[in-house]
Amino acid sequence: MLTYSLRHGGGKKDQKERIELTNDSFVELSIFEVPRRLAGSTHDFKYRLAYVVLGECVLRYDNEAGKGDHKHIGRKEFSYAFVDVQTLLRDFFADVGRMKT
């Protein structure tokens, strides 16, 4: 099981965790607790989770200010119902697992 240490924003430079899955694929995780909710979000987190294969981002979960919680699969965008950080990670890695098969 993956454990992820939550980083606190507060103006710090963006920090990312990169996990190599294979020679040609990796995930990159960035989750911050922010002092104020982003426009369009109902929680106090800023996140970006990406699955990259052969240099192309094939899956991304993020909550861009003004757009709220959503995910990208290829070039398509879908809304995402954020519950908590653990559920976010579980959902993301479930999608990664489905895409790997």
PDB file of N, CA and C in Angstrom:
ATOM      1  N   MET A   1       0.840  -1.191   0.000  1.00  0.00           N
ATOM      2  CA  MET A   1       0.000   0.000   0.000  1.00  0.00           C
ATOM      3  C   MET A   1       0.875   1.241   0.000  1.00  0.00           C
ATOM      4  N   LEU A   2       0.479   2.237  -0.762  1.00  0.00           N
ATOM      5  CA  LEU A   2       1.222   3.481  -0.849  1.00  0.00           C
ATOM      6  C   LEU A   2       0.892   4.369   0.336  1.00  0.00           C
ATOM      7  N   THR A   3       1.904   4.937   0.936  1.00  0.00           N
ATOM      8  CA  THR A   3       1.671   5.967   1.946  1.00  0.00           C
ATOM      9  C   THR A   3       2.183   7.268   1.375  1.00  0.00           C
ATOM     10  N   TYR A   4       1.465   8.327   1.616  1.00  0.00           N
ATOM     11  CA  TYR A   4       1.822   9.625   1.058  1.00  0.00           C
ATOM     12  C   TYR A   4       1.837  10.638   2.178  1.00  0.00           C
ATOM     13  N   SER A   5       2.925  11.357   2.317  1.00  0.00           N
ATOM     14  CA  SER A   5       2.993  12.376   3.363  1.00  0.00           C
ATOM     15  C   SER A   5       2.455  13.686   2.805  1.00  0.00           C
ATOM     16  N   LEU A   6       1.477  14.223   3.473  1.00  0.00           N
ATOM     17  CA  LEU A   6       0.822  15.454   3.046  1.00  0.00           C
ATOM     18  C   LEU A   6       1.731  16.636   3.306  1.00  0.00           C
ATOM     19  N   ARG A   7       1.870  17.491   2.337  1.00  0.00           N
ATOM     20  CA  ARG A   7       2.684  18.697   2.484  1.00  0.00           C
ATOM     21  C   ARG A   7       1.765  19.885   2.742  1.00  0.00           C
ATOM     22  N   HIS A   8       2.252  20.816   3.498  1.00  0.00           N
ATOM     23  CA  HIS A   8       1.474  22.019   3.791  1.00  0.00           C
ATOM     24  C   HIS A   8       1.949  23.144   2.886  1.00  0.00           C
ATOM     25  N   GLY A   9       1.000  23.798   2.212  1.00  0.00           N
ATOM     26  CA  GLY A   9       1.309  24.858   1.260  1.00  0.00           C
ATOM     27  C   GLY A   9       1.947  26.065   1.902  1.00  0.00           C
ATOM     28  N   GLY A  10       1.169  27.087   2.194  1.00  0.00           N
ATOM     29  CA  GLY A  10       1.685  28.278   2.849  1.00  0.00           C
ATOM     30  C   GLY A  10       2.790  28.972   2.078  1.00  0.00           C
ATOM     31  N   GLY A  11       2.673  29.002   0.754  1.00  0.00           N
ATOM     32  CA  GLY A  11       3.643  29.726  -0.047  1.00  0.00           C
ATOM     33  C   GLY A  11       4.910  28.949  -0.369  1.00  0.00           C
ATOM     34  N   LYS A  12       5.007  27.715   0.033  1.00  0.00           N
ATOM     35  CA  LYS A  12       6.195  26.919  -0.283  1.00  0.00           C
ATOM     36  C   LYS A  12       6.203  26.566  -1.763  1.00  0.00           C
ATOM     37  N   LYS A  13       7.404  26.386  -2.278  1.00  0.00           N
ATOM     38  CA  LYS A  13       7.552  25.961  -3.664  1.00  0.00           C
ATOM     39  C   LYS A  13       6.893  24.593  -3.845  1.00  0.00           C
ATOM     40  N   ASP A  14       6.307  24.390  -4.998  1.00  0.00           N
ATOM     41  CA  ASP A  14       5.638  23.123  -5.311  1.00  0.00           C
ATOM     42  C   ASP A  14       6.616  21.961  -5.167  1.00  0.00           C
ATOM     43  N   GLN A  15       6.228  20.960  -4.413  1.00  0.00           N
ATOM     44  CA  GLN A  15       7.048  19.765  -4.218  1.00  0.00           C
ATOM     45  C   GLN A  15       6.298  18.579  -4.812  1.00  0.00           C
ATOM     46  N   LYS A  16       7.025  17.727  -5.505  1.00  0.00           N
ATOM     47  CA  LYS A  16       6.396  16.583  -6.157  1.00  0.00           C
ATOM     48  C   LYS A  16       7.079  15.303  -5.718  1.00  0.00           C
ATOM     49  N   GLU A  17       6.302  14.239  -5.680  1.00  0.00           N
ATOM     50  CA  GLU A  17       6.856  12.910  -5.448  1.00  0.00           C
ATOM     51  C   GLU A  17       6.663  12.119  -6.734  1.00  0.00           C
ATOM     52  N   ARG A  18       7.740  11.549  -7.224  1.00  0.00           N
ATOM     53  CA  ARG A  18       7.687  10.774  -8.468  1.00  0.00           C
ATOM     54  C   ARG A  18       7.977   9.318  -8.135  1.00  0.00           C
ATOM     55  N   ILE A  19       7.116   8.439  -8.630  1.00  0.00           N
ATOM     56  CA  ILE A  19       7.268   7.008  -8.395  1.00  0.00           C
ATOM     57  C   ILE A  19       7.368   6.315  -9.751  1.00  0.00           C
ATOM     58  N   GLU A  20       8.516   5.719 -10.013  1.00  0.00           N
ATOM     59  CA  GLU A  20       8.722   4.987 -11.265  1.00  0.00           C
ATOM     60  C   GLU A  20       7.947   3.672 -11.187  1.00  0.00           C
ATOM     61  N   LEU A  21       7.127   3.393 -12.182  1.00  0.00           N
ATOM     62  CA  LEU A  21       6.368   2.141 -12.227  1.00  0.00           C
ATOM     63  C   LEU A  21       7.052   1.114 -13.120  1.00  0.00           C
ATOM     64  N   THR A  22       7.496   1.566 -14.277  1.00  0.00           N
ATOM     65  CA  THR A  22       8.239   0.726 -15.218  1.00  0.00           C
ATOM     66  C   THR A  22       9.314   1.603 -15.842  1.00  0.00           C
ATOM     67  N   ASN A  23      10.076   1.043 -16.781  1.00  0.00           N
ATOM     68  CA  ASN A  23      11.094   1.844 -17.470  1.00  0.00           C
ATOM     69  C   ASN A  23      10.495   3.011 -18.240  1.00  0.00           C
ATOM     70  N   ASP A  24       9.241   2.873 -18.665  1.00  0.00           N
ATOM     71  CA  ASP A  24       8.637   3.922 -19.483  1.00  0.00           C
ATOM     72  C   ASP A  24       7.384   4.542 -18.870  1.00  0.00           C
ATOM     73  N   SER A  25       7.149   4.327 -17.573  1.00  0.00           N
ATOM     74  CA  SER A  25       5.970   4.943 -16.945  1.00  0.00           C
ATOM     75  C   SER A  25       6.250   5.303 -15.488  1.00  0.00           C
ATOM     76  N   PHE A  26       5.566   6.345 -15.032  1.00  0.00           N
ATOM     77  CA  PHE A  26       5.695   6.790 -13.650  1.00  0.00           C
ATOM     78  C   PHE A  26       4.440   7.544 -13.240  1.00  0.00           C
ATOM     79  N   VAL A  27       4.273   7.720 -11.934  1.00  0.00           N
ATOM     80  CA  VAL A  27       3.238   8.612 -11.422  1.00  0.00           C
ATOM     81  C   VAL A  27       3.939   9.758 -10.716  1.00  0.00           C
ATOM     82  N   GLU A  28       3.303  10.916 -10.750  1.00  0.00           N
ATOM     83  CA  GLU A  28       3.808  12.089 -10.054  1.00  0.00           C
ATOM     84  C   GLU A  28       2.678  12.600  -9.177  1.00  0.00           C
ATOM     85  N   LEU A  29       2.963  12.777  -7.893  1.00  0.00           N
ATOM     86  CA  LEU A  29       1.946  13.150  -6.912  1.00  0.00           C
ATOM     87  C   LEU A  29       2.303  14.470  -6.255  1.00  0.00           C
ATOM     88  N   SER A  30       1.336  15.358  -6.163  1.00  0.00           N
ATOM     89  CA  SER A  30       1.515  16.621  -5.463  1.00  0.00           C
ATOM     90  C   SER A  30       0.194  16.940  -4.765  1.00  0.00           C
ATOM     91  N   ILE A  31       0.214  16.953  -3.435  1.00  0.00           N
ATOM     92  CA  ILE A  31      -0.987  17.261  -2.653  1.00  0.00           C
ATOM     93  C   ILE A  31      -0.582  18.215  -1.542  1.00  0.00           C
ATOM     94  N   PHE A  32      -1.242  19.355  -1.477  1.00  0.00           N
ATOM     95  CA  PHE A  32      -0.957  20.356  -0.462  1.00  0.00           C
ATOM     96  C   PHE A  32      -2.222  20.731   0.290  1.00  0.00           C
ATOM     97  N   GLU A  33      -2.089  20.965   1.565  1.00  0.00           N
ATOM     98  CA  GLU A  33      -3.156  21.600   2.327  1.00  0.00           C
ATOM     99  C   GLU A  33      -2.929  23.096   2.157  1.00  0.00           C
ATOM    100  N   VAL A  34      -3.960  23.822   1.769  1.00  0.00           N
ATOM    101  CA  VAL A  34      -3.830  25.259   1.512  1.00  0.00           C
ATOM    102  C   VAL A  34      -4.586  26.060   2.566  1.00  0.00           C
ATOM    103  N   PRO A  35      -4.141  27.292   2.836  1.00  0.00           N
ATOM    104  CA  PRO A  35      -4.789  28.092   3.880  1.00  0.00           C
ATOM    105  C   PRO A  35      -6.228  28.490   3.535  1.00  0.00           C
ATOM    106  N   ARG A  36      -6.523  28.617   2.228  1.00  0.00           N
ATOM    107  CA  ARG A  36      -7.870  28.975   1.779  1.00  0.00           C
ATOM    108  C   ARG A  36      -8.273  28.060   0.642  1.00  0.00           C
ATOM    109  N   ARG A  37      -9.530  27.715   0.613  1.00  0.00           N
ATOM    110  CA  ARG A  37     -10.035  26.863  -0.475  1.00  0.00           C
ATOM    111  C   ARG A  37      -9.838  27.540  -1.817  1.00  0.00           C
ATOM    112  N   LEU A  38      -9.518  26.729  -2.802  1.00  0.00           N
ATOM    113  CA  LEU A  38      -9.428  27.230  -4.167  1.00  0.00           C
ATOM    114  C   LEU A  38     -10.833  27.473  -4.696  1.00  0.00           C
ATOM    115  N   ALA A  39     -10.976  28.441  -5.566  1.00  0.00           N
ATOM    116  CA  ALA A  39     -12.271  28.700  -6.194  1.00  0.00           C
ATOM    117  C   ALA A  39     -12.736  27.424  -6.887  1.00  0.00           C
ATOM    118  N   GLY A  40     -13.963  27.018  -6.609  1.00  0.00           N
ATOM    119  CA  GLY A  40     -14.518  25.813  -7.211  1.00  0.00           C
ATOM    120  C   GLY A  40     -14.326  24.556  -6.388  1.00  0.00           C
ATOM    121  N   SER A  41     -13.571  24.636  -5.278  1.00  0.00           N
ATOM    122  CA  SER A  41     -13.341  23.467  -4.422  1.00  0.00           C
ATOM    123  C   SER A  41     -14.110  23.592  -3.116  1.00  0.00           C
ATOM    124  N   THR A  42     -14.437  22.455  -2.524  1.00  0.00           N
ATOM    125  CA  THR A  42     -15.166  22.431  -1.249  1.00  0.00           C
ATOM    126  C   THR A  42     -14.285  21.912  -0.120  1.00  0.00           C
ATOM    127  N   HIS A  43     -12.966  21.906  -0.337  1.00  0.00           N
ATOM    128  CA  HIS A  43     -12.017  21.368   0.646  1.00  0.00           C
ATOM    129  C   HIS A  43     -10.763  22.236   0.650  1.00  0.00           C
ATOM    130  N   ASP A  44      -9.858  21.957   1.566  1.00  0.00           N
ATOM    131  CA  ASP A  44      -8.660  22.781   1.753  1.00  0.00           C
ATOM    132  C   ASP A  44      -7.401  22.144   1.163  1.00  0.00           C
ATOM    133  N   PHE A  45      -7.522  21.517   0.003  1.00  0.00           N
ATOM    134  CA  PHE A  45      -6.374  20.864  -0.625  1.00  0.00           C
ATOM    135  C   PHE A  45      -6.202  21.324  -2.062  1.00  0.00           C
ATOM    136  N   LYS A  46      -4.960  21.382  -2.480  1.00  0.00           N
ATOM    137  CA  LYS A  46      -4.591  21.588  -3.879  1.00  0.00           C
ATOM    138  C   LYS A  46      -3.842  20.326  -4.272  1.00  0.00           C
ATOM    139  N   TYR A  47      -4.227  19.717  -5.380  1.00  0.00           N
ATOM    140  CA  TYR A  47      -3.577  18.467  -5.764  1.00  0.00           C
ATOM    141  C   TYR A  47      -3.425  18.344  -7.274  1.00  0.00           C
ATOM    142  N   ARG A  48      -2.449  17.530  -7.638  1.00  0.00           N
ATOM    143  CA  ARG A  48      -2.223  17.171  -9.035  1.00  0.00           C
ATOM    144  C   ARG A  48      -1.578  15.788  -9.011  1.00  0.00           C
ATOM    145  N   LEU A  49      -2.265  14.814  -9.554  1.00  0.00           N
ATOM    146  CA  LEU A  49      -1.775  13.437  -9.617  1.00  0.00           C
ATOM    147  C   LEU A  49      -1.730  13.054 -11.092  1.00  0.00           C
ATOM    148  N   ALA A  50      -0.592  12.609 -11.559  1.00  0.00           N
ATOM    149  CA  ALA A  50      -0.455  12.309 -12.987  1.00  0.00           C
ATOM    150  C   ALA A  50       0.146  10.927 -13.200  1.00  0.00           C
ATOM    151  N   TYR A  51      -0.344  10.260 -14.225  1.00  0.00           N
ATOM    152  CA  TYR A  51       0.207   8.980 -14.677  1.00  0.00           C
ATOM    153  C   TYR A  51       0.752   9.226 -16.079  1.00  0.00           C
ATOM    154  N   VAL A  52       2.045   9.014 -16.257  1.00  0.00           N
ATOM    155  CA  VAL A  52       2.724   9.320 -17.512  1.00  0.00           C
ATOM    156  C   VAL A  52       3.301   8.032 -18.097  1.00  0.00           C
ATOM    157  N   VAL A  53       3.006   7.806 -19.380  1.00  0.00           N
ATOM    158  CA  VAL A  53       3.499   6.626 -20.101  1.00  0.00           C
ATOM    159  C   VAL A  53       4.175   7.100 -21.384  1.00  0.00           C
ATOM    160  N   LEU A  54       5.403   6.661 -21.593  1.00  0.00           N
ATOM    161  CA  LEU A  54       6.166   7.039 -22.792  1.00  0.00           C
ATOM    162  C   LEU A  54       6.186   8.555 -22.989  1.00  0.00           C
ATOM    163  N   GLY A  55       6.313   9.286 -21.887  1.00  0.00           N
ATOM    164  CA  GLY A  55       6.406  10.739 -21.942  1.00  0.00           C
ATOM    165  C   GLY A  55       5.091  11.473 -22.104  1.00  0.00           C
ATOM    166  N   GLU A  56       3.980  10.764 -22.166  1.00  0.00           N
ATOM    167  CA  GLU A  56       2.668  11.393 -22.343  1.00  0.00           C
ATOM    168  C   GLU A  56       1.811  11.186 -21.102  1.00  0.00           C
ATOM    169  N   CYS A  57       1.213  12.276 -20.616  1.00  0.00           N
ATOM    170  CA  CYS A  57       0.306  12.177 -19.473  1.00  0.00           C
ATOM    171  C   CYS A  57      -1.006  11.566 -19.964  1.00  0.00           C
ATOM    172  N   VAL A  58      -1.300  10.354 -19.503  1.00  0.00           N
ATOM    173  CA  VAL A  58      -2.500   9.653 -19.954  1.00  0.00           C
ATOM    174  C   VAL A  58      -3.633   9.753 -18.935  1.00  0.00           C
ATOM    175  N   LEU A  59      -3.298  10.159 -17.698  1.00  0.00           N
ATOM    176  CA  LEU A  59      -4.300  10.305 -16.641  1.00  0.00           C
ATOM    177  C   LEU A  59      -3.837  11.402 -15.696  1.00  0.00           C
ATOM    178  N   ARG A  60      -4.736  12.320 -15.366  1.00  0.00           N
ATOM    179  CA  ARG A  60      -4.398  13.367 -14.398  1.00  0.00           C
ATOM    180  C   ARG A  60      -5.626  13.734 -13.585  1.00  0.00           C
ATOM    181  N   TYR A  61      -5.468  13.765 -12.276  1.00  0.00           N
ATOM    182  CA  TYR A  61      -6.482  14.279 -11.357  1.00  0.00           C
ATOM    183  C   TYR A  61      -5.961  15.619 -10.861  1.00  0.00           C
ATOM    184  N   ASP A  62      -6.794  16.655 -10.881  1.00  0.00           N
ATOM    185  CA  ASP A  62      -6.368  17.936 -10.326  1.00  0.00           C
ATOM    186  C   ASP A  62      -7.569  18.800  -9.985  1.00  0.00           C
ATOM    187  N   ASN A  63      -7.289  19.886  -9.299  1.00  0.00           N
ATOM    188  CA  ASN A  63      -8.353  20.829  -8.947  1.00  0.00           C
ATOM    189  C   ASN A  63      -7.880  22.245  -9.222  1.00  0.00           C
ATOM    190  N   GLU A  64      -7.752  22.537 -10.477  1.00  0.00           N
ATOM    191  CA  GLU A  64      -7.356  23.858 -10.942  1.00  0.00           C
ATOM    192  C   GLU A  64      -8.333  24.906 -10.405  1.00  0.00           C
ATOM    193  N   ALA A  65      -7.801  26.026  -9.933  1.00  0.00           N
ATOM    194  CA  ALA A  65      -8.648  27.092  -9.388  1.00  0.00           C
ATOM    195  C   ALA A  65      -9.711  27.492 -10.412  1.00  0.00           C
ATOM    196  N   GLY A  66     -10.954  27.555  -9.961  1.00  0.00           N
ATOM    197  CA  GLY A  66     -12.063  27.936 -10.819  1.00  0.00           C
ATOM    198  C   GLY A  66     -12.739  26.766 -11.520  1.00  0.00           C
ATOM    199  N   LYS A  67     -12.036  25.658 -11.683  1.00  0.00           N
ATOM    200  CA  LYS A  67     -12.608  24.493 -12.358  1.00  0.00           C
ATOM    201  C   LYS A  67     -13.072  23.428 -11.379  1.00  0.00           C
ATOM    202  N   GLY A  68     -12.550  23.460 -10.160  1.00  0.00           N
ATOM    203  CA  GLY A  68     -12.926  22.455  -9.179  1.00  0.00           C
ATOM    204  C   GLY A  68     -12.257  21.118  -9.441  1.00  0.00           C
ATOM    205  N   ASP A  69     -12.754  20.095  -8.771  1.00  0.00           N
ATOM    206  CA  ASP A  69     -12.168  18.757  -8.836  1.00  0.00           C
ATOM    207  C   ASP A  69     -12.549  18.074 -10.144  1.00  0.00           C
ATOM    208  N   HIS A  70     -11.545  17.540 -10.832  1.00  0.00           N
ATOM    209  CA  HIS A  70     -11.808  16.838 -12.082  1.00  0.00           C
ATOM    210  C   HIS A  70     -10.637  15.928 -12.416  1.00  0.00           C
ATOM    211  N   LYS A  71     -10.847  15.085 -13.423  1.00  0.00           N
ATOM    212  CA  LYS A  71      -9.771  14.227 -13.901  1.00  0.00           C
ATOM    213  C   LYS A  71      -9.768  14.241 -15.418  1.00  0.00           C
ATOM    214  N   HIS A  72      -8.590  13.996 -15.964  1.00  0.00           N
ATOM    215  CA  HIS A  72      -8.392  13.921 -17.407  1.00  0.00           C
ATOM    216  C   HIS A  72      -7.977  12.496 -17.734  1.00  0.00           C
ATOM    217  N   ILE A  73      -8.661  11.894 -18.667  1.00  0.00           N
ATOM    218  CA  ILE A  73      -8.261  10.594 -19.198  1.00  0.00           C
ATOM    219  C   ILE A  73      -8.007  10.830 -20.676  1.00  0.00           C
ATOM    220  N   GLY A  74      -6.736  10.759 -21.048  1.00  0.00           N
ATOM    221  CA  GLY A  74      -6.378  11.161 -22.400  1.00  0.00           C
ATOM    222  C   GLY A  74      -6.711  12.630 -22.570  1.00  0.00           C
ATOM    223  N   ARG A  75      -7.472  12.951 -23.585  1.00  0.00           N
ATOM    224  CA  ARG A  75      -7.850  14.349 -23.844  1.00  0.00           C
ATOM    225  C   ARG A  75      -9.233  14.707 -23.293  1.00  0.00           C
ATOM    226  N   LYS A  76      -9.902  13.742 -22.666  1.00  0.00           N
ATOM    227  CA  LYS A  76     -11.244  13.988 -22.130  1.00  0.00           C
ATOM    228  C   LYS A  76     -11.172  14.382 -20.666  1.00  0.00           C
ATOM    229  N   GLU A  77     -12.079  15.270 -20.264  1.00  0.00           N
ATOM    230  CA  GLU A  77     -12.140  15.743 -18.880  1.00  0.00           C
ATOM    231  C   GLU A  77     -13.460  15.319 -18.247  1.00  0.00           C
ATOM    232  N   PHE A  78     -13.383  14.850 -16.996  1.00  0.00           N
ATOM    233  CA  PHE A  78     -14.552  14.388 -16.255  1.00  0.00           C
ATOM    234  C   PHE A  78     -14.549  15.023 -14.870  1.00  0.00           C
ATOM    235  N   SER A  79     -15.723  15.321 -14.342  1.00  0.00           N
ATOM    236  CA  SER A  79     -15.775  15.835 -12.975  1.00  0.00           C
ATOM    237  C   SER A  79     -15.384  14.716 -12.013  1.00  0.00           C
ATOM    238  N   TYR A  80     -14.888  15.113 -10.841  1.00  0.00           N
ATOM    239  CA  TYR A  80     -14.479  14.152  -9.819  1.00  0.00           C
ATOM    240  C   TYR A  80     -15.047  14.610  -8.485  1.00  0.00           C
ATOM    241  N   ALA A  81     -15.643  13.697  -7.745  1.00  0.00           N
ATOM    242  CA  ALA A  81     -16.233  14.009  -6.433  1.00  0.00           C
ATOM    243  C   ALA A  81     -15.198  13.738  -5.339  1.00  0.00           C
ATOM    244  N   PHE A  82     -14.501  14.780  -4.913  1.00  0.00           N
ATOM    245  CA  PHE A  82     -13.480  14.654  -3.868  1.00  0.00           C
ATOM    246  C   PHE A  82     -14.148  14.334  -2.537  1.00  0.00           C
ATOM    247  N   VAL A  83     -13.640  13.304  -1.841  1.00  0.00           N
ATOM    248  CA  VAL A  83     -14.134  12.924  -0.514  1.00  0.00           C
ATOM    249  C   VAL A  83     -13.077  13.262   0.528  1.00  0.00           C
ATOM    250  N   ASP A  84     -11.885  12.686   0.353  1.00  0.00           N
ATOM    251  CA  ASP A  84     -10.743  12.949   1.225  1.00  0.00           C
ATOM    252  C   ASP A  84      -9.481  12.501   0.486  1.00  0.00           C
ATOM    253  N   VAL A  85      -8.319  12.776   1.070  1.00  0.00           N
ATOM    254  CA  VAL A  85      -7.056  12.485   0.394  1.00  0.00           C
ATOM    255  C   VAL A  85      -6.873  10.986   0.165  1.00  0.00           C
ATOM    256  N   GLN A  86      -7.203  10.159   1.142  1.00  0.00           N
ATOM    257  CA  GLN A  86      -7.036   8.707   0.973  1.00  0.00           C
ATOM    258  C   GLN A  86      -7.907   8.173  -0.163  1.00  0.00           C
ATOM    259  N   THR A  87      -9.132   8.657  -0.255  1.00  0.00           N
ATOM    260  CA  THR A  87     -10.024   8.233  -1.342  1.00  0.00           C
ATOM    261  C   THR A  87      -9.495   8.728  -2.683  1.00  0.00           C
ATOM    262  N   LEU A  88      -8.982   9.940  -2.715  1.00  0.00           N
ATOM    263  CA  LEU A  88      -8.375  10.482  -3.934  1.00  0.00           C
ATOM    264  C   LEU A  88      -7.256   9.568  -4.423  1.00  0.00           C
ATOM    265  N   LEU A  89      -6.349   9.203  -3.528  1.00  0.00           N
ATOM    266  CA  LEU A  89      -5.240   8.321  -3.897  1.00  0.00           C
ATOM    267  C   LEU A  89      -5.735   6.943  -4.333  1.00  0.00           C
ATOM    268  N   ARG A  90      -6.705   6.412  -3.609  1.00  0.00           N
ATOM    269  CA  ARG A  90      -7.259   5.094  -3.953  1.00  0.00           C
ATOM    270  C   ARG A  90      -7.898   5.134  -5.348  1.00  0.00           C
ATOM    271  N   ASP A  91      -8.696   6.169  -5.622  1.00  0.00           N
ATOM    272  CA  ASP A  91      -9.350   6.294  -6.928  1.00  0.00           C
ATOM    273  C   ASP A  91      -8.324   6.450  -8.052  1.00  0.00           C
ATOM    274  N   PHE A  92      -7.321   7.298  -7.813  1.00  0.00           N
ATOM    275  CA  PHE A  92      -6.283   7.524  -8.816  1.00  0.00           C
ATOM    276  C   PHE A  92      -5.554   6.224  -9.144  1.00  0.00           C
ATOM    277  N   PHE A  93      -5.092   5.510  -8.113  1.00  0.00           N
ATOM    278  CA  PHE A  93      -4.341   4.285  -8.367  1.00  0.00           C
ATOM    279  C   PHE A  93      -5.222   3.168  -8.924  1.00  0.00           C
ATOM    280  N   ALA A  94      -6.516   3.189  -8.632  1.00  0.00           N
ATOM    281  CA  ALA A  94      -7.430   2.228  -9.265  1.00  0.00           C
ATOM    282  C   ALA A  94      -7.501   2.505 -10.769  1.00  0.00           C
ATOM    283  N   ASP A  95      -7.592   3.784 -11.152  1.00  0.00           N
ATOM    284  CA  ASP A  95      -7.597   4.138 -12.579  1.00  0.00           C
ATOM    285  C   ASP A  95      -6.273   3.761 -13.239  1.00  0.00           C
ATOM    286  N   VAL A  96      -5.164   4.023 -12.555  1.00  0.00           N
ATOM    287  CA  VAL A  96      -3.855   3.634 -13.095  1.00  0.00           C
ATOM    288  C   VAL A  96      -3.832   2.124 -13.337  1.00  0.00           C
ATOM    289  N   GLY A  97      -4.297   1.347 -12.369  1.00  0.00           N
ATOM    290  CA  GLY A  97      -4.327  -0.110 -12.509  1.00  0.00           C
ATOM    291  C   GLY A  97      -5.159  -0.559 -13.690  1.00  0.00           C
ATOM    292  N   ARG A  98      -6.322   0.073 -13.889  1.00  0.00           N
ATOM    293  CA  ARG A  98      -7.177  -0.287 -15.030  1.00  0.00           C
ATOM    294  C   ARG A  98      -6.491   0.053 -16.354  1.00  0.00           C
ATOM    295  N   MET A  99      -5.772   1.168 -16.380  1.00  0.00           N
ATOM    296  CA  MET A  99      -5.120   1.591 -17.623  1.00  0.00           C
ATOM    297  C   MET A  99      -3.906   0.728 -17.954  1.00  0.00           C
ATOM    298  N   LYS A 100      -3.293   0.142 -16.949  1.00  0.00           N
ATOM    299  CA  LYS A 100      -2.106  -0.694 -17.172  1.00  0.00           C
ATOM    300  C   LYS A 100      -2.464  -2.044 -17.770  1.00  0.00           C
ATOM    301  N   THR A 101      -3.715  -2.485 -17.615  1.00  0.00           N
ATOM    302  CA  THR A 101      -4.089  -3.818 -18.098  1.00  0.00           C
ATOM    303  C   THR A 101      -4.585  -3.785 -19.522  1.00  0.00           C
TER     304      THR A 101
END
